[in-house]
Amino acid sequence: MDKIILNIFKAISLILIALAVIFQSIVLYQGDNAVASTSVIDNYITASFVALAFAAFLAIIFPIIFIGQNPKNAIKIAIVLAGFVIIGFICYSIAGNSFNNIRLEELKTTANISKMVGAGLYFTYFIGGSAVLAVIVSGLSGLFK
C-alpha cells in the first residue's frame, strides 16, 4: 500500500514538474510576447495553484493519517499544540500598541490589530529562537556522543 501511494505521489510530482518546465520554456522561448499573452501566464499560475492545493491537502491529511495509525502519539501532539497556545497567550499578553490614535488612523488600522501584529512578531521571535537553540543544542550533544 505504501509503495502504491509513493508511486502516485511521484507521478503527480513529475506531472507538475513537467508542466512547470513546459510553461517556463514557453515563457523563455516567446519572451515578452508570452508575458503579454495572458493565456500562458494564466496556465502557469493555475498549475502553481494546483501544486499549492496539493501540498496543502497533503499537509493536512498526512498528520491525520499519522494520528490514526499511532494514537499514543496523539497525546504528544496535543501537548505540543497546547504549548503553542500557551506561548500564543503569553505573547499576546506582553504585546502592546505603541502607536497613538493619529498614527493608527494614518496606518488605517486599530489598536487591537496593532497588538495582534506585535503578538505575532513575539511568537515568531520565540519559535525562531527556540529552533535555533534546538539546532545548537543538537549539534553540541552530537559532539559529545
N, C-alpha and C. Protein backbone atom coordinates (compact mmCIF):
# COMPACT_ATOMS: atom_id res chain seq x y z
N MET A 1 0.83 -1.20 0.00
CA MET A 1 0.00 0.00 0.00
C MET A 1 0.86 1.25 0.00
N ASP A 2 1.94 1.22 0.81
CA ASP A 2 2.81 2.39 0.88
C ASP A 2 3.50 2.66 -0.45
N LYS A 3 3.89 1.57 -1.17
CA LYS A 3 4.54 1.74 -2.46
C LYS A 3 3.58 2.32 -3.49
N ILE A 4 2.33 1.94 -3.42
CA ILE A 4 1.33 2.49 -4.35
C ILE A 4 1.17 3.98 -4.12
N ILE A 5 1.04 4.38 -2.86
CA ILE A 5 0.91 5.80 -2.53
C ILE A 5 2.16 6.56 -2.95
N LEU A 6 3.31 5.99 -2.71
CA LEU A 6 4.57 6.63 -3.10
C LEU A 6 4.65 6.80 -4.61
N ASN A 7 4.25 5.78 -5.37
CA ASN A 7 4.28 5.88 -6.82
C ASN A 7 3.29 6.91 -7.34
N ILE A 8 2.12 7.01 -6.70
CA ILE A 8 1.13 8.01 -7.10
C ILE A 8 1.68 9.41 -6.86
N PHE A 9 2.30 9.61 -5.72
CA PHE A 9 2.86 10.93 -5.42
C PHE A 9 4.02 11.27 -6.34
N LYS A 10 4.82 10.28 -6.68
CA LYS A 10 5.91 10.51 -7.63
C LYS A 10 5.35 10.91 -8.99
N ALA A 11 4.30 10.23 -9.43
CA ALA A 11 3.71 10.54 -10.73
C ALA A 11 3.12 11.94 -10.75
N ILE A 12 2.41 12.30 -9.69
CA ILE A 12 1.83 13.64 -9.62
C ILE A 12 2.92 14.69 -9.58
N SER A 13 3.97 14.42 -8.82
CA SER A 13 5.09 15.37 -8.75
C SER A 13 5.76 15.54 -10.11
N LEU A 14 5.96 14.43 -10.80
CA LEU A 14 6.59 14.51 -12.12
C LEU A 14 5.72 15.26 -13.12
N ILE A 15 4.41 15.06 -13.04
CA ILE A 15 3.50 15.79 -13.92
C ILE A 15 3.57 17.29 -13.63
N LEU A 16 3.55 17.66 -12.37
CA LEU A 16 3.63 19.09 -12.02
C LEU A 16 4.98 19.69 -12.42
N ILE A 17 6.05 18.93 -12.26
CA ILE A 17 7.37 19.42 -12.67
C ILE A 17 7.41 19.58 -14.19
N ALA A 18 6.84 18.60 -14.92
CA ALA A 18 6.82 18.70 -16.38
C ALA A 18 6.02 19.91 -16.83
N LEU A 19 4.87 20.15 -16.21
CA LEU A 19 4.08 21.34 -16.56
C LEU A 19 4.85 22.62 -16.30
N ALA A 20 5.54 22.68 -15.18
CA ALA A 20 6.32 23.87 -14.87
C ALA A 20 7.43 24.08 -15.89
N VAL A 21 8.10 23.00 -16.28
CA VAL A 21 9.17 23.11 -17.28
C VAL A 21 8.61 23.56 -18.62
N ILE A 22 7.46 23.00 -19.01
CA ILE A 22 6.85 23.40 -20.29
C ILE A 22 6.47 24.87 -20.27
N PHE A 23 5.79 25.31 -19.22
CA PHE A 23 5.38 26.72 -19.15
C PHE A 23 6.59 27.65 -19.09
N GLN A 24 7.60 27.26 -18.34
CA GLN A 24 8.79 28.09 -18.26
C GLN A 24 9.50 28.15 -19.61
N SER A 25 9.54 27.03 -20.33
CA SER A 25 10.16 27.02 -21.65
C SER A 25 9.41 27.92 -22.62
N ILE A 26 8.08 27.90 -22.54
CA ILE A 26 7.28 28.78 -23.40
C ILE A 26 7.57 30.24 -23.10
N VAL A 27 7.63 30.57 -21.83
CA VAL A 27 7.92 31.95 -21.45
C VAL A 27 9.32 32.36 -21.92
N LEU A 28 10.30 31.48 -21.74
CA LEU A 28 11.66 31.81 -22.17
C LEU A 28 11.77 31.90 -23.69
N TYR A 29 11.06 31.01 -24.41
CA TYR A 29 11.14 31.00 -25.86
C TYR A 29 10.44 32.20 -26.48
N GLN A 30 9.26 32.53 -25.97
CA GLN A 30 8.49 33.62 -26.55
C GLN A 30 8.86 34.98 -25.97
N GLY A 31 9.55 35.00 -24.85
CA GLY A 31 9.99 36.27 -24.27
C GLY A 31 8.84 37.14 -23.83
N ASP A 32 8.91 38.41 -24.19
CA ASP A 32 7.89 39.37 -23.76
C ASP A 32 6.51 39.05 -24.33
N ASN A 33 6.47 38.39 -25.48
CA ASN A 33 5.17 38.04 -26.05
C ASN A 33 4.41 37.08 -25.15
N ALA A 34 5.14 36.15 -24.53
CA ALA A 34 4.50 35.20 -23.62
C ALA A 34 3.99 35.89 -22.36
N VAL A 35 4.76 36.87 -21.90
CA VAL A 35 4.34 37.59 -20.70
C VAL A 35 3.13 38.46 -21.01
N ALA A 36 3.13 39.04 -22.23
CA ALA A 36 1.99 39.86 -22.63
C ALA A 36 0.75 39.00 -22.87
N SER A 37 0.96 37.77 -23.32
CA SER A 37 -0.15 36.85 -23.54
C SER A 37 -0.60 36.29 -22.20
N THR A 38 -1.82 36.57 -21.84
CA THR A 38 -2.29 36.15 -20.52
C THR A 38 -2.54 34.66 -20.45
N SER A 39 -2.74 33.98 -21.59
CA SER A 39 -3.07 32.56 -21.54
C SER A 39 -1.91 31.74 -20.99
N VAL A 40 -0.68 32.06 -21.38
CA VAL A 40 0.47 31.30 -20.87
C VAL A 40 0.65 31.54 -19.38
N ILE A 41 0.58 32.80 -18.98
CA ILE A 41 0.75 33.14 -17.57
C ILE A 41 -0.40 32.58 -16.74
N ASP A 42 -1.62 32.65 -17.27
CA ASP A 42 -2.76 32.10 -16.53
C ASP A 42 -2.61 30.60 -16.31
N ASN A 43 -2.16 29.88 -17.33
CA ASN A 43 -1.95 28.45 -17.18
C ASN A 43 -0.83 28.16 -16.18
N TYR A 44 0.20 28.99 -16.22
CA TYR A 44 1.32 28.84 -15.30
C TYR A 44 0.84 29.04 -13.86
N ILE A 45 0.05 30.07 -13.66
CA ILE A 45 -0.47 30.36 -12.32
C ILE A 45 -1.45 29.28 -11.87
N THR A 46 -2.26 28.77 -12.80
CA THR A 46 -3.18 27.69 -12.46
C THR A 46 -2.42 26.45 -12.02
N ALA A 47 -1.36 26.11 -12.73
CA ALA A 47 -0.54 24.96 -12.32
C ALA A 47 0.08 25.20 -10.95
N SER A 48 0.46 26.43 -10.67
CA SER A 48 1.01 26.75 -9.34
C SER A 48 -0.04 26.58 -8.26
N PHE A 49 -1.27 27.01 -8.54
CA PHE A 49 -2.35 26.85 -7.57
C PHE A 49 -2.67 25.37 -7.33
N VAL A 50 -2.62 24.58 -8.39
CA VAL A 50 -2.87 23.14 -8.24
C VAL A 50 -1.79 22.53 -7.35
N ALA A 51 -0.54 22.90 -7.60
CA ALA A 51 0.55 22.38 -6.77
C ALA A 51 0.40 22.83 -5.32
N LEU A 52 0.01 24.09 -5.11
CA LEU A 52 -0.19 24.60 -3.76
C LEU A 52 -1.35 23.88 -3.06
N ALA A 53 -2.45 23.67 -3.79
CA ALA A 53 -3.59 22.96 -3.20
C ALA A 53 -3.22 21.52 -2.86
N PHE A 54 -2.45 20.89 -3.73
CA PHE A 54 -2.00 19.52 -3.49
C PHE A 54 -1.12 19.45 -2.24
N ALA A 55 -0.20 20.38 -2.12
CA ALA A 55 0.69 20.42 -0.96
C ALA A 55 -0.10 20.70 0.32
N ALA A 56 -1.06 21.61 0.25
CA ALA A 56 -1.89 21.92 1.43
C ALA A 56 -2.72 20.70 1.83
N PHE A 57 -3.27 20.02 0.85
CA PHE A 57 -4.04 18.81 1.12
C PHE A 57 -3.19 17.77 1.83
N LEU A 58 -1.98 17.55 1.31
CA LEU A 58 -1.10 16.57 1.93
C LEU A 58 -0.66 17.00 3.32
N ALA A 59 -0.45 18.31 3.51
CA ALA A 59 -0.04 18.81 4.82
C ALA A 59 -1.14 18.63 5.85
N ILE A 60 -2.37 18.57 5.40
CA ILE A 60 -3.48 18.37 6.32
C ILE A 60 -3.78 16.88 6.53
N ILE A 61 -3.76 16.11 5.45
CA ILE A 61 -4.20 14.71 5.53
C ILE A 61 -3.17 13.79 6.19
N PHE A 62 -1.87 14.02 5.93
CA PHE A 62 -0.87 13.11 6.50
C PHE A 62 -0.82 13.13 8.02
N PRO A 63 -0.87 14.28 8.68
CA PRO A 63 -0.91 14.23 10.15
C PRO A 63 -2.15 13.51 10.69
N ILE A 64 -3.27 13.65 9.98
CA ILE A 64 -4.48 12.96 10.43
C ILE A 64 -4.30 11.45 10.30
N ILE A 65 -3.72 11.01 9.18
CA ILE A 65 -3.46 9.58 9.00
C ILE A 65 -2.46 9.09 10.04
N PHE A 66 -1.42 9.89 10.30
CA PHE A 66 -0.40 9.52 11.28
C PHE A 66 -1.00 9.37 12.67
N ILE A 67 -1.89 10.28 13.03
CA ILE A 67 -2.54 10.18 14.35
C ILE A 67 -3.41 8.93 14.41
N GLY A 68 -4.09 8.61 13.30
CA GLY A 68 -4.93 7.43 13.28
C GLY A 68 -4.13 6.15 13.42
N GLN A 69 -2.91 6.14 12.84
CA GLN A 69 -2.08 4.94 12.93
C GLN A 69 -1.36 4.83 14.27
N ASN A 70 -1.08 5.95 14.91
CA ASN A 70 -0.35 5.96 16.18
C ASN A 70 -1.11 6.81 17.21
N PRO A 71 -2.16 6.26 17.80
CA PRO A 71 -2.95 7.06 18.74
C PRO A 71 -2.18 7.49 19.99
N LYS A 72 -1.12 6.75 20.34
CA LYS A 72 -0.32 7.14 21.51
C LYS A 72 0.39 8.46 21.26
N ASN A 73 0.78 8.69 20.02
CA ASN A 73 1.46 9.94 19.70
C ASN A 73 0.50 11.13 19.65
N ALA A 74 -0.80 10.87 19.62
CA ALA A 74 -1.78 11.96 19.61
C ALA A 74 -1.67 12.79 20.90
N ILE A 75 -1.33 12.13 21.99
CA ILE A 75 -1.18 12.85 23.26
C ILE A 75 0.00 13.80 23.17
N LYS A 76 1.11 13.34 22.58
CA LYS A 76 2.27 14.21 22.41
C LYS A 76 1.94 15.42 21.53
N ILE A 77 1.20 15.17 20.46
CA ILE A 77 0.81 16.25 19.56
C ILE A 77 -0.10 17.23 20.28
N ALA A 78 -1.02 16.73 21.08
CA ALA A 78 -1.91 17.61 21.84
C ALA A 78 -1.12 18.46 22.83
N ILE A 79 -0.10 17.89 23.45
CA ILE A 79 0.73 18.65 24.39
C ILE A 79 1.49 19.75 23.66
N VAL A 80 2.03 19.43 22.48
CA VAL A 80 2.75 20.44 21.70
C VAL A 80 1.80 21.56 21.28
N LEU A 81 0.61 21.21 20.81
CA LEU A 81 -0.37 22.24 20.42
C LEU A 81 -0.79 23.09 21.61
N ALA A 82 -0.97 22.46 22.75
CA ALA A 82 -1.31 23.23 23.96
C ALA A 82 -0.17 24.18 24.33
N GLY A 83 1.07 23.71 24.16
CA GLY A 83 2.23 24.59 24.40
C GLY A 83 2.23 25.78 23.47
N PHE A 84 1.89 25.57 22.18
CA PHE A 84 1.82 26.68 21.23
C PHE A 84 0.73 27.68 21.63
N VAL A 85 -0.41 27.15 22.11
CA VAL A 85 -1.49 28.03 22.53
C VAL A 85 -1.06 28.85 23.75
N ILE A 86 -0.39 28.23 24.69
CA ILE A 86 0.09 28.94 25.88
C ILE A 86 1.10 30.01 25.49
N ILE A 87 2.03 29.66 24.60
CA ILE A 87 3.01 30.65 24.13
C ILE A 87 2.30 31.79 23.43
N GLY A 88 1.26 31.46 22.65
CA GLY A 88 0.48 32.50 21.97
C GLY A 88 -0.19 33.45 22.95
N PHE A 89 -0.77 32.91 24.01
CA PHE A 89 -1.40 33.77 25.03
C PHE A 89 -0.37 34.64 25.74
N ILE A 90 0.80 34.06 26.03
CA ILE A 90 1.85 34.85 26.68
C ILE A 90 2.30 35.98 25.76
N CYS A 91 2.50 35.66 24.49
CA CYS A 91 2.94 36.69 23.53
C CYS A 91 1.88 37.78 23.38
N TYR A 92 0.61 37.39 23.36
CA TYR A 92 -0.45 38.38 23.24
C TYR A 92 -0.51 39.27 24.49
N SER A 93 -0.26 38.66 25.65
CA SER A 93 -0.36 39.45 26.88
C SER A 93 0.80 40.44 27.02
N ILE A 94 1.97 40.12 26.48
CA ILE A 94 3.09 41.07 26.60
C ILE A 94 3.14 42.05 25.44
N ALA A 95 2.39 41.78 24.38
CA ALA A 95 2.37 42.71 23.24
C ALA A 95 1.54 43.93 23.60
N GLY A 96 1.89 45.03 22.99
CA GLY A 96 1.15 46.25 23.24
C GLY A 96 1.04 47.09 21.99
N ASN A 97 0.31 48.15 22.10
CA ASN A 97 0.15 49.08 20.99
C ASN A 97 1.00 50.31 21.29
N SER A 98 2.00 50.53 20.47
CA SER A 98 2.88 51.67 20.71
C SER A 98 2.52 52.88 19.86
N PHE A 99 1.44 52.80 19.10
CA PHE A 99 1.02 53.91 18.24
C PHE A 99 -0.06 54.75 18.91
N ASN A 100 -0.03 56.04 18.64
CA ASN A 100 -1.12 56.89 19.13
C ASN A 100 -2.26 56.84 18.12
N ASN A 101 -3.38 57.47 18.46
CA ASN A 101 -4.58 57.40 17.62
C ASN A 101 -4.36 58.01 16.24
N ILE A 102 -3.57 59.07 16.16
CA ILE A 102 -3.33 59.71 14.87
C ILE A 102 -2.55 58.77 13.96
N ARG A 103 -1.52 58.13 14.50
CA ARG A 103 -0.71 57.21 13.71
C ARG A 103 -1.53 55.98 13.30
N LEU A 104 -2.42 55.51 14.18
CA LEU A 104 -3.27 54.39 13.83
C LEU A 104 -4.19 54.74 12.67
N GLU A 105 -4.71 55.98 12.66
CA GLU A 105 -5.56 56.42 11.54
C GLU A 105 -4.75 56.52 10.26
N GLU A 106 -3.51 57.00 10.35
CA GLU A 106 -2.65 57.08 9.17
C GLU A 106 -2.39 55.68 8.60
N LEU A 107 -2.20 54.72 9.48
CA LEU A 107 -1.95 53.34 9.05
C LEU A 107 -3.23 52.60 8.69
N LYS A 108 -4.37 53.22 8.94
CA LYS A 108 -5.69 52.62 8.69
C LYS A 108 -5.83 51.27 9.40
N THR A 109 -5.53 51.30 10.68
CA THR A 109 -5.64 50.10 11.50
C THR A 109 -6.19 50.46 12.87
N THR A 110 -6.33 49.46 13.71
CA THR A 110 -6.85 49.69 15.06
C THR A 110 -5.79 49.27 16.08
N ALA A 111 -6.04 49.63 17.32
CA ALA A 111 -5.12 49.27 18.39
C ALA A 111 -5.08 47.75 18.59
N ASN A 112 -6.23 47.10 18.43
CA ASN A 112 -6.27 45.65 18.60
C ASN A 112 -5.45 44.94 17.52
N ILE A 113 -5.55 45.41 16.28
CA ILE A 113 -4.77 44.80 15.20
C ILE A 113 -3.28 45.05 15.44
N SER A 114 -2.94 46.23 15.92
CA SER A 114 -1.55 46.53 16.23
C SER A 114 -1.02 45.58 17.31
N LYS A 115 -1.86 45.30 18.30
CA LYS A 115 -1.46 44.37 19.36
C LYS A 115 -1.33 42.95 18.82
N MET A 116 -2.22 42.55 17.93
CA MET A 116 -2.14 41.22 17.32
C MET A 116 -0.86 41.07 16.48
N VAL A 117 -0.50 42.12 15.75
CA VAL A 117 0.73 42.07 14.96
C VAL A 117 1.94 41.94 15.89
N GLY A 118 1.94 42.70 16.98
CA GLY A 118 3.03 42.59 17.95
C GLY A 118 3.11 41.20 18.55
N ALA A 119 1.96 40.61 18.85
CA ALA A 119 1.93 39.25 19.41
C ALA A 119 2.47 38.26 18.38
N GLY A 120 2.09 38.44 17.12
CA GLY A 120 2.59 37.56 16.06
C GLY A 120 4.10 37.67 15.91
N LEU A 121 4.62 38.88 16.03
CA LEU A 121 6.07 39.07 15.95
C LEU A 121 6.78 38.40 17.13
N TYR A 122 6.25 38.60 18.33
CA TYR A 122 6.85 37.96 19.50
C TYR A 122 6.82 36.44 19.37
N PHE A 123 5.68 35.91 18.89
CA PHE A 123 5.54 34.47 18.71
C PHE A 123 6.58 33.96 17.70
N THR A 124 6.74 34.69 16.60
CA THR A 124 7.73 34.31 15.58
C THR A 124 9.14 34.35 16.15
N TYR A 125 9.46 35.40 16.91
CA TYR A 125 10.78 35.50 17.51
C TYR A 125 11.04 34.34 18.47
N PHE A 126 10.04 34.01 19.28
CA PHE A 126 10.20 32.94 20.26
C PHE A 126 10.38 31.59 19.58
N ILE A 127 9.54 31.28 18.61
CA ILE A 127 9.63 29.99 17.92
C ILE A 127 10.92 29.91 17.10
N GLY A 128 11.29 31.01 16.42
CA GLY A 128 12.54 31.02 15.66
C GLY A 128 13.74 30.87 16.56
N GLY A 129 13.76 31.58 17.67
CA GLY A 129 14.85 31.45 18.63
C GLY A 129 14.93 30.05 19.21
N SER A 130 13.77 29.46 19.49
CA SER A 130 13.75 28.09 20.00
C SER A 130 14.31 27.11 18.97
N ALA A 131 13.99 27.32 17.70
CA ALA A 131 14.51 26.44 16.65
C ALA A 131 16.03 26.56 16.54
N VAL A 132 16.54 27.79 16.58
CA VAL A 132 17.99 27.99 16.52
C VAL A 132 18.65 27.35 17.73
N LEU A 133 18.07 27.55 18.90
CA LEU A 133 18.61 26.96 20.11
C LEU A 133 18.60 25.43 20.04
N ALA A 134 17.54 24.86 19.49
CA ALA A 134 17.45 23.40 19.36
C ALA A 134 18.53 22.88 18.42
N VAL A 135 18.80 23.61 17.34
CA VAL A 135 19.85 23.18 16.41
C VAL A 135 21.21 23.23 17.10
N ILE A 136 21.46 24.28 17.86
CA ILE A 136 22.74 24.41 18.57
C ILE A 136 22.90 23.31 19.61
N VAL A 137 21.86 23.06 20.40
CA VAL A 137 21.93 22.01 21.42
C VAL A 137 22.11 20.65 20.77
N SER A 138 21.42 20.42 19.67
CA SER A 138 21.55 19.15 18.97
C SER A 138 22.96 18.96 18.43
N GLY A 139 23.53 20.01 17.88
CA GLY A 139 24.90 19.94 17.38
C GLY A 139 25.91 19.70 18.48
N LEU A 140 25.72 20.39 19.60
CA LEU A 140 26.65 20.22 20.73
C LEU A 140 26.52 18.83 21.34
N SER A 141 25.30 18.33 21.45
CA SER A 141 25.12 16.99 22.03
C SER A 141 25.71 15.94 21.10
N GLY A 142 25.69 16.18 19.80
CA GLY A 142 26.28 15.24 18.85
C GLY A 142 27.80 15.22 18.96
N LEU A 143 28.40 16.33 19.36
CA LEU A 143 29.84 16.39 19.53
C LEU A 143 30.31 15.54 20.70
N PHE A 144 29.50 15.46 21.75
CA PHE A 144 29.90 14.79 22.97
C PHE A 144 29.49 13.31 22.99
N LYS A 145 28.83 12.84 21.96
CA LYS A 145 28.42 11.41 21.94
C LYS A 145 29.48 10.57 21.30
